[in-house]
């Protein structure tokens, strides 16, 4: 379970956060490669994708860096499943 800051939840609401999560999964899943966790340029590309999605939906700028890091950490854990599909 992701720990979403209370202020973000209040500003965006559950529905928008759900849309953000769905778009993040779809976009990040499409962008991962076998060795993406070892290649800094691949990680940088995914960071850019995540930040664009967060900005698109008005995610608070002061919370974006932490959210981006969280998404990358979760993607690393889920990557094995994604690559098996």
Foldseek 3Di string as FASTA:
>chain_A
DDDDPPVQCVVQNDVLVVVLVVVLCVVVLVQDDPCLVPDPVSLVVSLVVSLVSCVVRPRDPVCSVVVSVVSVVVCVVCVVVSVVD
